[in-house]
Structures are given as structure tokens and as C-alpha cells.
Amino acid sequence: MKKKYISNSQDSVRMFKSDFLELLSKVHYTVPLYIFIPVILASTYWALAEKGLSFLTYVEFFFIGLAVWTLTEYVMHRFIFHYVPKNKIGLRLHFIFHGVHHDYPSDAKRLVLPPSVSIPLATAFYFLFNAILPENYVFAFFPGFILGYLFYDITHYAIHHFNFKGSIWKKIKQHHMLHHYQDPDKGYGVTSPLWDKIFSSDFIKK
């Protein structure tokens, strides 16, 4: 496979001529916590206090939501973020959404989804799950799904900028670094290699 240059600079490459659009493309890694932890808390309150779901039902659907996130993470990374169109506009969109991360993987301001993307995406997922799940169960399912997303976002930042000492975290980091520096067509799971193992897209690790 042909090797391509990958920048290790932590500086942000400019993507837009517009200063406003450029600002929207960058975010501090803690911002998703400020936005979505209140969503988790509000949904939990609504499920237990307003909709009367039992605690066991809440816990059950919370963990189902968490599990569904892990598959969503894999599917989006593999089939959406790594889909490379042939036309000029499509290639530009691919670079904006994910290509820039592979070219500049240490860019500290582009390691978590900016609110301009994460809020509309989370809203779309909420309405999708609300349409699929039994009435009111979305308020138990959605907090687990969003917690999975937050864990993904913060883990992704940490993988690129923290030095891990624990063996589990080292393995998670190794998995993602192989995706960046060995073969971008493998290792789509960021927080876990589980779905890579299931769908045969894992690396052979020593």
C-alpha cells in the first residue's frame, strides 16, 4: 500500500476561507461534556421521575443504548467517514469530515466532533430512536447512547494526546494508531476492537 505523508504537528490546518466556518470546525475536547452531560441527566430524570419507568427498565435500556453506540461508532467510522466519493464536492466533504484527521491526526482542535455537527446528529438519532422504541423508553436508551458517544470522543482525544500506562489503554491506543499509521482500511473501532473482530477488520497484533 502506498504510504502518504502524515503531519505530526498539533497545529490546526486551515480548512475554510471563512473565519466563521473555520471557527465552527474547531472545538476544545471538553466542550462535548458541557453539552451532553446535561442531556444525560435530564433524560434520566425524565425517564424515572416524569415517565415512571422502573429503575431496572432504565438500567436495561441504558446499557442497550450503550451497546448500540459501540456498533454505531464502528458503522459510521467504516462506512461513512471512510467512504471516499469520486467527485470534487464529495472529496471536499470527505476531507472536512474525516480526511483532515488522517492527514493531521495530532490536530488538538479537531479530535472531537464540533457542536455544529454533534448537536444536529444527536438530534437526528433521538428522533430515530423515539420512532423505533416503545413509548417513553427513549429517555432510558438515549442517555446510554450519548454516554457511549462521550466516551468515544474523550477517548479519541486521549489516544492522540495522552501517554497511557495501563495495559488495556495501551492496547486501545495501539489499535487506533495502527489504523492511522499502518492501514486505514482496518481498525475502525476507536473505543474497542470488538466489532473489528466480529466483522474481520482487525489487525493481526503480536
Protein backbone atom coordinates (compact mmCIF):
# COMPACT_ATOMS: atom_id res chain seq x y z
CA MET A 1 0.00 0.00 0.00
CA LYS A 2 1.32 3.42 -0.95
CA LYS A 3 2.39 5.46 2.04
CA LYS A 4 1.24 9.07 2.29
CA TYR A 5 2.65 11.91 4.30
CA ILE A 6 1.03 12.36 7.72
CA SER A 7 1.70 15.52 9.71
CA ASN A 8 2.50 15.12 13.41
CA SER A 9 2.03 18.81 14.15
CA GLN A 10 -0.54 19.72 16.81
CA ASP A 11 -1.34 22.93 14.93
CA SER A 12 -4.64 23.21 13.05
CA VAL A 13 -4.52 23.39 9.27
CA ARG A 14 -6.95 25.95 7.86
CA MET A 15 -9.92 24.34 6.10
CA PHE A 16 -12.18 27.29 5.23
CA LYS A 17 -11.69 30.76 3.81
CA SER A 18 -14.49 32.00 6.04
CA ASP A 19 -13.33 32.80 9.58
CA PHE A 20 -16.79 31.86 10.89
CA LEU A 21 -16.78 28.41 9.28
CA GLU A 22 -13.21 27.88 10.41
CA LEU A 23 -14.26 28.68 13.99
CA LEU A 24 -17.14 26.18 13.79
CA SER A 25 -14.75 23.42 12.71
CA LYS A 26 -12.69 23.59 15.92
CA VAL A 27 -13.57 22.74 19.50
CA HIS A 28 -11.87 22.14 22.84
CA TYR A 29 -12.12 18.49 23.84
CA THR A 30 -14.15 19.26 26.99
CA VAL A 31 -16.98 21.04 25.16
CA PRO A 32 -19.00 17.85 24.40
CA LEU A 33 -19.11 17.18 28.16
CA TYR A 34 -20.70 20.57 28.84
CA ILE A 35 -23.29 20.00 26.13
CA PHE A 36 -24.26 16.36 26.60
CA ILE A 37 -23.89 15.59 30.32
CA PRO A 38 -26.95 17.81 30.99
CA VAL A 39 -28.78 15.85 28.27
CA ILE A 40 -27.96 12.58 30.06
CA LEU A 41 -29.10 13.97 33.41
CA ALA A 42 -32.29 15.50 32.01
CA SER A 43 -33.21 12.32 30.13
CA THR A 44 -32.58 10.23 33.24
CA TYR A 45 -34.79 12.50 35.34
CA TRP A 46 -37.50 12.42 32.69
CA ALA A 47 -37.38 8.61 32.47
CA LEU A 48 -37.56 7.96 36.22
CA ALA A 49 -39.47 10.92 37.63
CA GLU A 50 -41.77 12.04 34.82
CA LYS A 51 -42.41 8.92 32.73
CA GLY A 52 -42.38 6.46 35.62
CA LEU A 53 -40.03 3.87 34.16
CA SER A 54 -38.76 1.43 36.75
CA PHE A 55 -35.12 1.61 37.74
CA LEU A 56 -34.47 -1.87 36.31
CA THR A 57 -36.06 -0.90 32.99
CA TYR A 58 -33.98 2.25 32.94
CA VAL A 59 -30.75 0.32 33.58
CA GLU A 60 -31.65 -2.29 30.96
CA PHE A 61 -32.29 0.24 28.21
CA PHE A 62 -29.38 2.42 29.30
CA PHE A 63 -26.98 -0.46 28.63
CA ILE A 64 -28.75 -1.37 25.40
CA GLY A 65 -28.19 2.24 24.29
CA LEU A 66 -24.54 1.99 25.27
CA ALA A 67 -24.15 -1.22 23.26
CA VAL A 68 -25.91 0.27 20.24
CA TRP A 69 -23.49 3.19 20.37
CA THR A 70 -20.48 0.87 20.02
CA LEU A 71 -21.95 -0.55 16.79
CA THR A 72 -22.92 2.93 15.59
CA GLU A 73 -19.36 4.13 16.20
CA TYR A 74 -18.00 1.28 14.08
CA VAL A 75 -20.53 1.62 11.24
CA MET A 76 -20.18 5.40 10.96
CA HIS A 77 -16.39 5.25 11.01
CA ARG A 78 -16.14 2.45 8.47
CA PHE A 79 -18.94 3.19 6.03
CA ILE A 80 -19.48 6.96 6.33
CA PHE A 81 -16.22 8.57 7.46
CA HIS A 82 -14.14 6.29 5.23
CA TYR A 83 -16.39 6.46 2.20
CA VAL A 84 -14.37 8.33 -0.43
CA PRO A 85 -16.51 9.78 -3.27
CA LYS A 86 -15.09 10.32 -6.74
CA ASN A 87 -16.47 13.79 -7.48
CA LYS A 88 -14.79 17.02 -6.40
CA ILE A 89 -17.51 18.15 -3.98
CA GLY A 90 -17.68 14.71 -2.37
CA LEU A 91 -13.92 14.61 -1.91
CA ARG A 92 -14.04 18.04 -0.29
CA LEU A 93 -16.76 16.90 2.13
CA HIS A 94 -14.79 13.74 2.92
CA PHE A 95 -11.72 15.83 3.75
CA ILE A 96 -13.74 18.15 6.00
CA PHE A 97 -15.43 15.34 7.95
CA HIS A 98 -12.59 12.84 8.28
CA GLY A 99 -9.80 13.18 5.75
CA VAL A 100 -8.28 16.11 7.61
CA HIS A 101 -7.98 13.95 10.73
CA HIS A 102 -5.97 11.33 8.87
CA ASP A 103 -3.70 13.95 7.32
CA TYR A 104 -3.29 15.84 10.62
CA PRO A 105 -4.05 13.27 13.36
CA SER A 106 -2.48 15.35 16.14
CA ASP A 107 -4.53 18.48 15.48
CA ALA A 108 -5.75 19.10 19.04
CA LYS A 109 -8.78 21.18 17.98
CA ARG A 110 -10.21 18.60 15.59
CA LEU A 111 -10.25 15.41 17.67
CA VAL A 112 -13.84 15.64 18.90
CA LEU A 113 -16.94 16.47 16.90
CA PRO A 114 -17.71 20.22 16.97
CA PRO A 115 -21.20 21.17 18.24
CA SER A 116 -22.12 22.27 14.71
CA VAL A 117 -22.04 18.55 13.81
CA SER A 118 -22.69 16.69 17.08
CA ILE A 119 -25.88 18.53 18.08
CA PRO A 120 -27.76 18.01 14.76
CA LEU A 121 -26.51 14.41 14.63
CA ALA A 122 -27.61 13.67 18.20
CA THR A 123 -31.00 15.25 17.49
CA ALA A 124 -31.47 13.07 14.41
CA PHE A 125 -30.58 9.94 16.40
CA TYR A 126 -33.00 10.94 19.16
CA PHE A 127 -35.94 11.19 16.77
CA LEU A 128 -34.91 7.94 15.08
CA PHE A 129 -34.81 6.03 18.37
CA ASN A 130 -38.00 7.69 19.59
CA ALA A 131 -39.77 6.39 16.48
CA ILE A 132 -38.40 2.85 16.92
CA LEU A 133 -38.54 2.25 20.67
CA PRO A 134 -41.66 1.69 22.82
CA GLU A 135 -43.20 4.91 24.11
CA ASN A 136 -41.02 6.79 26.65
CA TYR A 137 -38.23 4.20 26.56
CA VAL A 138 -36.05 6.58 24.57
CA PHE A 139 -35.44 8.50 27.81
CA ALA A 140 -33.64 5.46 29.22
CA PHE A 141 -31.98 4.37 25.98
CA PHE A 142 -30.69 7.77 24.86
CA PRO A 143 -28.55 8.52 27.97
CA GLY A 144 -26.63 5.27 27.42
CA PHE A 145 -26.18 6.04 23.74
CA ILE A 146 -24.92 9.58 24.49
CA LEU A 147 -22.61 8.36 27.26
CA GLY A 148 -21.08 5.98 24.71
CA TYR A 149 -20.57 8.91 22.35
CA LEU A 150 -18.90 10.99 25.07
CA PHE A 151 -16.61 8.10 25.98
CA TYR A 152 -15.70 7.78 22.30
CA ASP A 153 -14.96 11.49 21.89
CA ILE A 154 -12.83 11.83 25.02
CA THR A 155 -11.08 8.51 24.43
CA HIS A 156 -10.22 9.59 20.89
CA TYR A 157 -8.65 12.79 22.17
CA ALA A 158 -6.76 10.92 24.88
CA ILE A 159 -5.43 8.34 22.43
CA HIS A 160 -3.76 11.07 20.41
CA HIS A 161 -2.50 13.22 23.29
CA PHE A 162 -2.11 11.17 26.48
CA ASN A 163 0.55 8.64 27.41
CA PHE A 164 -1.23 5.61 28.83
CA LYS A 165 0.32 3.32 31.43
CA GLY A 166 -2.42 0.71 31.87
CA SER A 167 -2.24 -2.33 29.60
CA ILE A 168 -5.88 -2.06 28.44
CA TRP A 169 -5.48 1.60 27.45
CA LYS A 170 -2.20 0.83 25.71
CA LYS A 171 -3.97 -1.82 23.62
CA ILE A 172 -6.77 0.61 22.73
CA LYS A 173 -4.20 3.20 21.69
CA GLN A 174 -2.20 0.67 19.68
CA HIS A 175 -5.35 -0.39 17.82
CA HIS A 176 -6.12 3.19 16.76
CA MET A 177 -2.53 4.08 15.92
CA LEU A 178 -2.35 1.07 13.60
CA HIS A 179 -5.45 2.46 11.87
CA HIS A 180 -3.66 5.76 11.31
CA TYR A 181 -0.12 4.64 10.55
CA GLN A 182 -0.39 1.09 9.18
CA ASP A 183 -3.70 0.52 7.40
CA PRO A 184 -6.68 2.95 7.42
CA ASP A 185 -8.86 0.18 5.96
CA LYS A 186 -8.74 -1.74 9.24
CA GLY A 187 -9.27 -0.93 12.91
CA TYR A 188 -12.44 1.18 12.72
CA GLY A 189 -13.35 0.73 16.36
CA VAL A 190 -11.88 3.55 18.44
CA THR A 191 -13.03 2.65 21.95
CA SER A 192 -12.96 -1.09 21.38
CA PRO A 193 -11.78 -3.61 18.75
CA LEU A 194 -14.91 -5.74 19.38
CA TRP A 195 -16.72 -5.02 16.12
CA ASP A 196 -13.46 -5.20 14.16
CA LYS A 197 -13.08 -8.74 15.42
CA ILE A 198 -16.68 -9.60 14.58
CA PHE A 199 -16.52 -8.12 11.06
CA SER A 200 -12.94 -9.24 10.31
CA SER A 201 -11.43 -5.76 10.07
CA ASP A 202 -9.00 -6.16 12.98
CA PHE A 203 -5.22 -6.12 12.79
CA ILE A 204 -3.05 -9.13 13.48
CA LYS A 205 -1.38 -7.97 16.69
CA LYS A 206 1.64 -9.58 18.33
